[in-house]
Amino acid sequence: GAVSGIAVLALSAPAFAHVSVQPEGTAAKGGYAVVDFKV
């Protein structure tokens, strides 16, 4: 149980750890898009 708790916490940390970029909708080649830089 202790190992499982530590492992889950370690795996969940990167999900919100660093600056990232994601499109609002689709970022298609040749087109326009709105993207969010999440900090």
Full PDB file with SEQRES, HELIX, SHEET, SSBOND, CRYST1, ORIGX, SCALE, CONECT and MASTER records, all heavy atoms in Angstrom:
SEQRES   1 A   39  GLY ALA VAL SER GLY ILE ALA VAL LEU ALA LEU SER ALA          
SEQRES   2 A   39  PRO ALA PHE ALA HIS VAL SER VAL GLN PRO GLU GLY THR          
SEQRES   3 A   39  ALA ALA LYS GLY GLY TYR ALA VAL VAL ASP PHE LYS VAL          
HELIX    1 AA1 ALA A    2  SER A   12  1                                  11    
HELIX    2 AA2 ALA A   13  PHE A   16  5                                   4    
SHEET    1 AA1 2 SER A  20  PRO A  23  0                                        
SHEET    2 AA1 2 VAL A  35  LYS A  38 -1                                        
CRYST1    1.000    1.000    1.000  90.00  90.00  90.00 P 1           1          
ORIGX1      1.000000  0.000000  0.000000        0.00000                         
ORIGX2      0.000000  1.000000  0.000000        0.00000                         
ORIGX3      0.000000  0.000000  1.000000        0.00000                         
SCALE1      1.000000  0.000000  0.000000        0.00000                         
SCALE2      0.000000  1.000000  0.000000        0.00000                         
SCALE3      0.000000  0.000000  1.000000        0.00000                         
ATOM      1  N   GLY A   1       0.813  -1.209   0.000  1.00  0.00           N  
ATOM      2  CA  GLY A   1       0.000   0.000   0.000  1.00  0.00           C  
ATOM      3  C   GLY A   1       0.841   1.251   0.000  1.00  0.00           C  
ATOM      4  O   GLY A   1       0.555   2.215  -0.706  1.00  0.00           O  
ATOM      5  N   ALA A   2       1.915   1.245   0.796  1.00  0.00           N  
ATOM      6  CA  ALA A   2       2.783   2.419   0.861  1.00  0.00           C  
ATOM      7  C   ALA A   2       3.456   2.672  -0.470  1.00  0.00           C  
ATOM      8  O   ALA A   2       3.529   3.804  -0.949  1.00  0.00           O  
ATOM      9  CB  ALA A   2       3.836   2.211   1.955  1.00  0.00           C  
ATOM     10  N   VAL A   3       3.949   1.601  -1.102  1.00  0.00           N  
ATOM     11  CA  VAL A   3       4.610   1.740  -2.405  1.00  0.00           C  
ATOM     12  C   VAL A   3       3.629   2.252  -3.448  1.00  0.00           C  
ATOM     13  O   VAL A   3       3.957   3.112  -4.276  1.00  0.00           O  
ATOM     14  CB  VAL A   3       5.218   0.390  -2.851  1.00  0.00           C  
ATOM     15  CG1 VAL A   3       5.693   0.481  -4.293  1.00  0.00           C  
ATOM     16  CG2 VAL A   3       6.370   0.016  -1.932  1.00  0.00           C  
ATOM     17  N   SER A   4       2.394   1.753  -3.423  1.00  0.00           N  
ATOM     18  CA  SER A   4       1.384   2.184  -4.391  1.00  0.00           C  
ATOM     19  C   SER A   4       1.097   3.672  -4.255  1.00  0.00           C  
ATOM     20  O   SER A   4       0.970   4.396  -5.234  1.00  0.00           O  
ATOM     21  CB  SER A   4       0.090   1.395  -4.188  1.00  0.00           C  
ATOM     22  OG  SER A   4       0.311   0.024  -4.416  1.00  0.00           O  
ATOM     23  N   GLY A   5       0.987   4.132  -2.993  1.00  0.00           N  
ATOM     24  CA  GLY A   5       0.719   5.546  -2.771  1.00  0.00           C  
ATOM     25  C   GLY A   5       1.820   6.426  -3.310  1.00  0.00           C  
ATOM     26  O   GLY A   5       1.572   7.423  -3.982  1.00  0.00           O  
ATOM     27  N   ILE A   6       3.066   6.058  -3.058  1.00  0.00           N  
ATOM     28  CA  ILE A   6       4.202   6.837  -3.544  1.00  0.00           C  
ATOM     29  C   ILE A   6       4.250   6.821  -5.055  1.00  0.00           C  
ATOM     30  O   ILE A   6       4.500   7.835  -5.704  1.00  0.00           O  
ATOM     31  CB  ILE A   6       5.521   6.280  -2.959  1.00  0.00           C  
ATOM     32  CG1 ILE A   6       5.519   6.481  -1.443  1.00  0.00           C  
ATOM     33  CG2 ILE A   6       6.728   6.980  -3.582  1.00  0.00           C  
ATOM     34  CD1 ILE A   6       6.689   5.808  -0.743  1.00  0.00           C  
ATOM     35  N   ALA A   7       3.974   5.664  -5.667  1.00  0.00           N  
ATOM     36  CA  ALA A   7       4.032   5.545  -7.125  1.00  0.00           C  
ATOM     37  C   ALA A   7       2.970   6.404  -7.787  1.00  0.00           C  
ATOM     38  O   ALA A   7       3.231   7.096  -8.769  1.00  0.00           O  
ATOM     39  CB  ALA A   7       3.852   4.072  -7.535  1.00  0.00           C  
ATOM     40  N   VAL A   8       1.752   6.376  -7.259  1.00  0.00           N  
ATOM     41  CA  VAL A   8       0.669   7.169  -7.837  1.00  0.00           C  
ATOM     42  C   VAL A   8       0.985   8.644  -7.746  1.00  0.00           C  
ATOM     43  O   VAL A   8       0.778   9.412  -8.674  1.00  0.00           O  
ATOM     44  CB  VAL A   8      -0.672   6.857  -7.132  1.00  0.00           C  
ATOM     45  CG1 VAL A   8      -1.748   7.852  -7.567  1.00  0.00           C  
ATOM     46  CG2 VAL A   8      -1.114   5.442  -7.442  1.00  0.00           C  
ATOM     47  N   LEU A   9       1.513   9.084  -6.600  1.00  0.00           N  
ATOM     48  CA  LEU A   9       1.855  10.486  -6.420  1.00  0.00           C  
ATOM     49  C   LEU A   9       2.946  10.908  -7.386  1.00  0.00           C  
ATOM     50  O   LEU A   9       2.899  11.982  -7.993  1.00  0.00           O  
ATOM     51  CB  LEU A   9       2.312  10.723  -4.984  1.00  0.00           C  
ATOM     52  CG  LEU A   9       2.636  12.177  -4.609  1.00  0.00           C  
ATOM     53  CD1 LEU A   9       1.394  13.042  -4.813  1.00  0.00           C  
ATOM     54  CD2 LEU A   9       3.118  12.273  -3.180  1.00  0.00           C  
ATOM     55  N   ALA A  10       3.941  10.047  -7.579  1.00  0.00           N  
ATOM     56  CA  ALA A  10       5.041  10.373  -8.488  1.00  0.00           C  
ATOM     57  C   ALA A  10       4.571  10.465  -9.921  1.00  0.00           C  
ATOM     58  O   ALA A  10       5.012  11.311 -10.695  1.00  0.00           O  
ATOM     59  CB  ALA A  10       6.130   9.306  -8.365  1.00  0.00           C  
ATOM     60  N   LEU A  11       3.624   9.579 -10.295  1.00  0.00           N  
ATOM     61  CA  LEU A  11       3.133   9.582 -11.665  1.00  0.00           C  
ATOM     62  C   LEU A  11       2.194  10.759 -11.918  1.00  0.00           C  
ATOM     63  O   LEU A  11       2.111  11.265 -13.025  1.00  0.00           O  
ATOM     64  CB  LEU A  11       2.389   8.265 -11.954  1.00  0.00           C  
ATOM     65  CG  LEU A  11       3.270   7.016 -12.046  1.00  0.00           C  
ATOM     66  CD1 LEU A  11       2.396   5.781 -12.167  1.00  0.00           C  
ATOM     67  CD2 LEU A  11       4.218   7.110 -13.232  1.00  0.00           C  
ATOM     68  N   SER A  12       1.490  11.217 -10.890  1.00  0.00           N  
ATOM     69  CA  SER A  12       0.536  12.309 -11.089  1.00  0.00           C  
ATOM     70  C   SER A  12       1.213  13.662 -11.128  1.00  0.00           C  
ATOM     71  O   SER A  12       0.703  14.596 -11.736  1.00  0.00           O  
ATOM     72  CB  SER A  12      -0.510  12.296  -9.972  1.00  0.00           C  
ATOM     73  OG  SER A  12       0.095  12.559  -8.714  1.00  0.00           O  
ATOM     74  N   ALA A  13       2.383  13.816 -10.509  1.00  0.00           N  
ATOM     75  CA  ALA A  13       3.048  15.113 -10.437  1.00  0.00           C  
ATOM     76  C   ALA A  13       3.325  15.735 -11.798  1.00  0.00           C  
ATOM     77  O   ALA A  13       3.051  16.913 -12.009  1.00  0.00           O  
ATOM     78  CB  ALA A  13       4.342  14.974  -9.632  1.00  0.00           C  
ATOM     79  N   PRO A  14       3.878  14.985 -12.795  1.00  0.00           N  
ATOM     80  CA  PRO A  14       4.193  15.606 -14.077  1.00  0.00           C  
ATOM     81  C   PRO A  14       2.982  16.161 -14.815  1.00  0.00           C  
ATOM     82  O   PRO A  14       3.115  16.989 -15.702  1.00  0.00           O  
ATOM     83  CB  PRO A  14       4.837  14.447 -14.875  1.00  0.00           C  
ATOM     84  CG  PRO A  14       5.317  13.488 -13.831  1.00  0.00           C  
ATOM     85  CD  PRO A  14       4.320  13.596 -12.729  1.00  0.00           C  
ATOM     86  N   ALA A  15       1.774  15.719 -14.447  1.00  0.00           N  
ATOM     87  CA  ALA A  15       0.581  16.155 -15.163  1.00  0.00           C  
ATOM     88  C   ALA A  15       0.356  17.662 -15.026  1.00  0.00           C  
ATOM     89  O   ALA A  15      -0.293  18.268 -15.842  1.00  0.00           O  
ATOM     90  CB  ALA A  15      -0.645  15.392 -14.654  1.00  0.00           C  
ATOM     91  N   PHE A  16       0.878  18.258 -13.960  1.00  0.00           N  
ATOM     92  CA  PHE A  16       0.650  19.690 -13.782  1.00  0.00           C  
ATOM     93  C   PHE A  16       1.939  20.405 -13.431  1.00  0.00           C  
ATOM     94  O   PHE A  16       1.932  21.467 -12.825  1.00  0.00           O  
ATOM     95  CB  PHE A  16      -0.401  19.916 -12.684  1.00  0.00           C  
ATOM     96  CG  PHE A  16      -0.133  19.180 -11.404  1.00  0.00           C  
ATOM     97  CD1 PHE A  16       0.684  19.715 -10.425  1.00  0.00           C  
ATOM     98  CD2 PHE A  16      -0.688  17.932 -11.182  1.00  0.00           C  
ATOM     99  CE1 PHE A  16       0.916  19.046  -9.244  1.00  0.00           C  
ATOM    100  CE2 PHE A  16      -0.447  17.248 -10.008  1.00  0.00           C  
ATOM    101  CZ  PHE A  16       0.354  17.805  -9.031  1.00  0.00           C  
ATOM    102  N   ALA A  17       3.094  19.847 -13.853  1.00  0.00           N  
ATOM    103  CA  ALA A  17       4.360  20.370 -13.360  1.00  0.00           C  
ATOM    104  C   ALA A  17       5.005  21.416 -14.242  1.00  0.00           C  
ATOM    105  O   ALA A  17       5.752  22.232 -13.748  1.00  0.00           O  
ATOM    106  CB  ALA A  17       5.342  19.207 -13.139  1.00  0.00           C  
ATOM    107  N   HIS A  18       4.777  21.394 -15.546  1.00  0.00           N  
ATOM    108  CA  HIS A  18       5.567  22.278 -16.399  1.00  0.00           C  
ATOM    109  C   HIS A  18       4.719  23.093 -17.373  1.00  0.00           C  
ATOM    110  O   HIS A  18       3.528  22.835 -17.563  1.00  0.00           O  
ATOM    111  CB  HIS A  18       6.604  21.458 -17.182  1.00  0.00           C  
ATOM    112  CG  HIS A  18       6.007  20.321 -17.959  1.00  0.00           C  
ATOM    113  ND1 HIS A  18       5.299  20.506 -19.118  1.00  0.00           N  
ATOM    114  CD2 HIS A  18       6.014  18.982 -17.737  1.00  0.00           C  
ATOM    115  CE1 HIS A  18       4.903  19.332 -19.594  1.00  0.00           C  
ATOM    116  NE2 HIS A  18       5.309  18.392 -18.770  1.00  0.00           N  
ATOM    117  N   VAL A  19       5.346  24.093 -17.988  1.00  0.00           N  
ATOM    118  CA  VAL A  19       4.668  24.933 -18.968  1.00  0.00           C  
ATOM    119  C   VAL A  19       4.332  24.087 -20.200  1.00  0.00           C  
ATOM    120  O   VAL A  19       5.181  23.331 -20.696  1.00  0.00           O  
ATOM    121  CB  VAL A  19       5.563  26.122 -19.376  1.00  0.00           C  
ATOM    122  CG1 VAL A  19       4.893  26.934 -20.486  1.00  0.00           C  
ATOM    123  CG2 VAL A  19       5.837  27.013 -18.172  1.00  0.00           C  
ATOM    124  N   SER A  20       3.121  24.199 -20.694  1.00  0.00           N  
ATOM    125  CA  SER A  20       2.690  23.395 -21.844  1.00  0.00           C  
ATOM    126  C   SER A  20       1.871  24.247 -22.796  1.00  0.00           C  
ATOM    127  O   SER A  20       1.481  25.378 -22.473  1.00  0.00           O  
ATOM    128  CB  SER A  20       1.859  22.191 -21.373  1.00  0.00           C  
ATOM    129  OG  SER A  20       0.705  22.634 -20.675  1.00  0.00           O  
ATOM    130  N   VAL A  21       1.591  23.704 -23.993  1.00  0.00           N  
ATOM    131  CA  VAL A  21       0.764  24.399 -24.978  1.00  0.00           C  
ATOM    132  C   VAL A  21      -0.246  23.418 -25.558  1.00  0.00           C  
ATOM    133  O   VAL A  21       0.098  22.281 -25.890  1.00  0.00           O  
ATOM    134  CB  VAL A  21       1.629  25.031 -26.099  1.00  0.00           C  
ATOM    135  CG1 VAL A  21       2.441  23.973 -26.835  1.00  0.00           C  
ATOM    136  CG2 VAL A  21       0.760  25.810 -27.081  1.00  0.00           C  
ATOM    137  N   GLN A  22      -1.492  23.850 -25.648  1.00  0.00           N  
ATOM    138  CA  GLN A  22      -2.564  23.022 -26.199  1.00  0.00           C  
ATOM    139  C   GLN A  22      -3.471  23.884 -27.066  1.00  0.00           C  
ATOM    140  O   GLN A  22      -3.733  25.048 -26.748  1.00  0.00           O  
ATOM    141  CB  GLN A  22      -3.386  22.382 -25.072  1.00  0.00           C  
ATOM    142  CG  GLN A  22      -2.670  21.303 -24.281  1.00  0.00           C  
ATOM    143  CD  GLN A  22      -2.376  20.072 -25.109  1.00  0.00           C  
ATOM    144  OE1 GLN A  22      -3.084  19.770 -26.065  1.00  0.00           O  
ATOM    145  NE2 GLN A  22      -1.330  19.343 -24.744  1.00  0.00           N  
ATOM    146  N   PRO A  23      -3.972  23.330 -28.174  1.00  0.00           N  
ATOM    147  CA  PRO A  23      -4.890  24.105 -29.027  1.00  0.00           C  
ATOM    148  C   PRO A  23      -6.297  24.118 -28.449  1.00  0.00           C  
ATOM    149  O   PRO A  23      -6.703  23.185 -27.750  1.00  0.00           O  
ATOM    150  CB  PRO A  23      -4.849  23.339 -30.356  1.00  0.00           C  
ATOM    151  CG  PRO A  23      -4.587  21.921 -29.944  1.00  0.00           C  
ATOM    152  CD  PRO A  23      -3.676  21.996 -28.739  1.00  0.00           C  
ATOM    153  N   GLU A  24      -7.032  25.178 -28.728  1.00  0.00           N  
ATOM    154  CA  GLU A  24      -8.448  25.221 -28.398  1.00  0.00           C  
ATOM    155  C   GLU A  24      -9.193  24.686 -29.617  1.00  0.00           C  
ATOM    156  O   GLU A  24      -9.482  25.411 -30.555  1.00  0.00           O  
ATOM    157  CB  GLU A  24      -8.885  26.647 -28.071  1.00  0.00           C  
ATOM    158  CG  GLU A  24      -8.215  27.218 -26.826  1.00  0.00           C  
ATOM    159  CD  GLU A  24      -8.741  28.593 -26.475  1.00  0.00           C  
ATOM    160  OE1 GLU A  24      -9.639  29.074 -27.195  1.00  0.00           O  
ATOM    161  OE2 GLU A  24      -8.257  29.181 -25.494  1.00  0.00           O  
ATOM    162  N   GLY A  25      -9.456  23.409 -29.609  1.00  0.00           N  
ATOM    163  CA  GLY A  25     -10.041  22.775 -30.788  1.00  0.00           C  
ATOM    164  C   GLY A  25      -8.955  22.026 -31.540  1.00  0.00           C  
ATOM    165  O   GLY A  25      -8.230  21.213 -30.973  1.00  0.00           O  
ATOM    166  N   THR A  26      -8.799  22.323 -32.836  1.00  0.00           N  
ATOM    167  CA  THR A  26      -7.837  21.622 -33.676  1.00  0.00           C  
ATOM    168  C   THR A  26      -6.816  22.588 -34.252  1.00  0.00           C  
ATOM    169  O   THR A  26      -7.165  23.669 -34.708  1.00  0.00           O  
ATOM    170  CB  THR A  26      -8.553  20.909 -34.848  1.00  0.00           C  
ATOM    171  OG1 THR A  26      -9.514  19.990 -34.316  1.00  0.00           O  
ATOM    172  CG2 THR A  26      -7.553  20.140 -35.712  1.00  0.00           C  
ATOM    173  N   ALA A  27      -5.546  22.181 -34.202  1.00  0.00           N  
ATOM    174  CA  ALA A  27      -4.475  22.957 -34.838  1.00  0.00           C  
ATOM    175  C   ALA A  27      -4.077  22.198 -36.100  1.00  0.00           C  
ATOM    176  O   ALA A  27      -3.207  21.319 -36.081  1.00  0.00           O  
ATOM    177  CB  ALA A  27      -3.284  23.108 -33.888  1.00  0.00           C  
ATOM    178  N   ALA A  28      -4.761  22.494 -37.209  1.00  0.00           N  
ATOM    179  CA  ALA A  28      -4.553  21.758 -38.453  1.00  0.00           C  
ATOM    180  C   ALA A  28      -3.494  22.430 -39.319  1.00  0.00           C  
ATOM    181  O   ALA A  28      -3.398  23.663 -39.361  1.00  0.00           O  
ATOM    182  CB  ALA A  28      -5.866  21.645 -39.231  1.00  0.00           C  
ATOM    183  N   LYS A  29      -2.715  21.629 -39.998  1.00  0.00           N  
ATOM    184  CA  LYS A  29      -1.675  22.141 -40.894  1.00  0.00           C  
ATOM    185  C   LYS A  29      -2.293  23.064 -41.941  1.00  0.00           C  
ATOM    186  O   LYS A  29      -3.320  22.749 -42.536  1.00  0.00           O  
ATOM    187  CB  LYS A  29      -0.959  20.982 -41.588  1.00  0.00           C  
ATOM    188  CG  LYS A  29      -0.235  20.032 -40.637  1.00  0.00           C  
ATOM    189  CD  LYS A  29       0.425  18.885 -41.394  1.00  0.00           C  
ATOM    190  CE  LYS A  29       1.107  17.918 -40.448  1.00  0.00           C  
ATOM    191  NZ  LYS A  29       1.761  16.794 -41.168  1.00  0.00           N  
ATOM    192  N   GLY A  30      -1.642  24.203 -42.151  1.00  0.00           N  
ATOM    193  CA  GLY A  30      -2.114  25.135 -43.153  1.00  0.00           C  
ATOM    194  C   GLY A  30      -3.215  26.070 -42.689  1.00  0.00           C  
ATOM    195  O   GLY A  30      -3.599  26.982 -43.412  1.00  0.00           O  
ATOM    196  N   GLY A  31      -3.723  25.855 -41.468  1.00  0.00           N  
ATOM    197  CA  GLY A  31      -4.828  26.675 -40.984  1.00  0.00           C  
ATOM    198  C   GLY A  31      -4.419  27.599 -39.852  1.00  0.00           C  
ATOM    199  O   GLY A  31      -3.242  27.832 -39.597  1.00  0.00           O  
ATOM    200  N   TYR A  32      -5.424  28.150 -39.186  1.00  0.00           N  
ATOM    201  CA  TYR A  32      -5.232  29.036 -38.043  1.00  0.00           C  
ATOM    202  C   TYR A  32      -5.773  28.354 -36.788  1.00  0.00           C  
ATOM    203  O   TYR A  32      -6.656  27.499 -36.867  1.00  0.00           O  
ATOM    204  CB  TYR A  32      -5.946  30.368 -38.257  1.00  0.00           C  
ATOM    205  CG  TYR A  32      -5.272  31.267 -39.272  1.00  0.00           C  
ATOM    206  CD1 TYR A  32      -5.411  31.008 -40.644  1.00  0.00           C  
ATOM    207  CD2 TYR A  32      -4.502  32.348 -38.872  1.00  0.00           C  
ATOM    208  CE1 TYR A  32      -4.794  31.817 -41.578  1.00  0.00           C  
ATOM    209  CE2 TYR A  32      -3.881  33.167 -39.803  1.00  0.00           C  
ATOM    210  CZ  TYR A  32      -4.030  32.896 -41.160  1.00  0.00           C  
ATOM    211  OH  TYR A  32      -3.399  33.691 -42.085  1.00  0.00           O  
ATOM    212  N   ALA A  33      -5.259  28.743 -35.633  1.00  0.00           N  
ATOM    213  CA  ALA A  33      -5.715  28.139 -34.389  1.00  0.00           C  
ATOM    214  C   ALA A  33      -5.474  29.088 -33.230  1.00  0.00           C  
ATOM    215  O   ALA A  33      -4.640  29.995 -33.311  1.00  0.00           O  
ATOM    216  CB  ALA A  33      -4.990  26.811 -34.134  1.00  0.00           C  
ATOM    217  N   VAL A  34      -6.226  28.877 -32.165  1.00  0.00           N  
ATOM    218  CA  VAL A  34      -5.970  29.559 -30.899  1.00  0.00           C  
ATOM    219  C   VAL A  34      -5.348  28.527 -29.968  1.00  0.00           C  
ATOM    220  O   VAL A  34      -5.907  27.439 -29.781  1.00  0.00           O  
ATOM    221  CB  VAL A  34      -7.267  30.121 -30.281  1.00  0.00           C  
ATOM    222  CG1 VAL A  34      -6.989  30.672 -28.882  1.00  0.00           C  
ATOM    223  CG2 VAL A  34      -7.836  31.217 -31.167  1.00  0.00           C  
ATOM    224  N   VAL A  35      -4.191  28.845 -29.427  1.00  0.00           N  
ATOM    225  CA  VAL A  35      -3.505  27.919 -28.535  1.00  0.00           C  
ATOM    226  C   VAL A  35      -3.350  28.566 -27.164  1.00  0.00           C  
ATOM    227  O   VAL A  35      -3.251  29.792 -27.046  1.00  0.00           O  
ATOM    228  CB  VAL A  35      -2.115  27.514 -29.086  1.00  0.00           C  
ATOM    229  CG1 VAL A  35      -2.270  26.804 -30.421  1.00  0.00           C  
ATOM    230  CG2 VAL A  35      -1.195  28.712 -29.219  1.00  0.00           C  
ATOM    231  N   ASP A  36      -3.336  27.725 -26.130  1.00  0.00           N  
ATOM    232  CA  ASP A  36      -3.176  28.202 -24.755  1.00  0.00           C  
ATOM    233  C   ASP A  36      -1.828  27.749 -24.199  1.00  0.00           C  
ATOM    234  O   ASP A  36      -1.522  26.551 -24.207  1.00  0.00           O  
ATOM    235  CB  ASP A  36      -4.281  27.629 -23.859  1.00  0.00           C  
ATOM    236  CG  ASP A  36      -5.650  28.178 -24.202  1.00  0.00           C  
ATOM    237  OD1 ASP A  36      -5.710  29.335 -24.645  1.00  0.00           O  
ATOM    238  OD2 ASP A  36      -6.644  27.441 -24.035  1.00  0.00           O  
ATOM    239  N   PHE A  37      -1.049  28.703 -23.720  1.00  0.00           N  
ATOM    240  CA  PHE A  37       0.166  28.370 -22.984  1.00  0.00           C  
ATOM    241  C   PHE A  37      -0.227  28.309 -21.511  1.00  0.00           C  
ATOM    242  O   PHE A  37      -0.593  29.316 -20.905  1.00  0.00           O  
ATOM    243  CB  PHE A  37       1.253  29.420 -23.224  1.00  0.00           C  
ATOM    244  CG  PHE A  37       1.789  29.401 -24.621  1.00  0.00           C  
ATOM    245  CD1 PHE A  37       1.293  30.266 -25.590  1.00  0.00           C  
ATOM    246  CD2 PHE A  37       2.778  28.497 -24.991  1.00  0.00           C  
ATOM    247  CE1 PHE A  37       1.763  30.242 -26.888  1.00  0.00           C  
ATOM    248  CE2 PHE A  37       3.267  28.462 -26.294  1.00  0.00           C  
ATOM    249  CZ  PHE A  37       2.755  29.335 -27.244  1.00  0.00           C  
ATOM    250  N   LYS A  38      -0.156  27.108 -20.951  1.00  0.00           N  
ATOM    251  CA  LYS A  38      -0.594  26.884 -19.572  1.00  0.00           C  
ATOM    252  C   LYS A  38       0.610  26.931 -18.637  1.00  0.00           C  
ATOM    253  O   LYS A  38       1.580  26.202 -18.819  1.00  0.00           O  
ATOM    254  CB  LYS A  38      -1.300  25.530 -19.460  1.00  0.00           C  
ATOM    255  CG  LYS A  38      -1.862  25.240 -18.073  1.00  0.00           C  
ATOM    256  CD  LYS A  38      -2.568  23.894 -18.066  1.00  0.00           C  
ATOM    257  CE  LYS A  38      -3.092  23.561 -16.687  1.00  0.00           C  
ATOM    258  NZ  LYS A  38      -3.754  22.231 -16.661  1.00  0.00           N  
ATOM    259  N   VAL A  39       0.534  27.804 -17.631  1.00  0.00           N  
ATOM    260  CA  VAL A  39       1.668  28.024 -16.727  1.00  0.00           C  
ATOM    261  C   VAL A  39       1.258  27.738 -15.281  1.00  0.00           C  
ATOM    262  O   VAL A  39       0.558  28.539 -14.660  1.00  0.00           O  
ATOM    263  CB  VAL A  39       2.185  29.471 -16.840  1.00  0.00           C  
ATOM    264  CG1 VAL A  39       3.401  29.675 -15.939  1.00  0.00           C  
ATOM    265  CG2 VAL A  39       2.528  29.807 -18.281  1.00  0.00           C  
TER     266      VAL A  39                                                      
MASTER        0    0    0    2    2    0    0    6  265    1    0    3          
END                                                                             
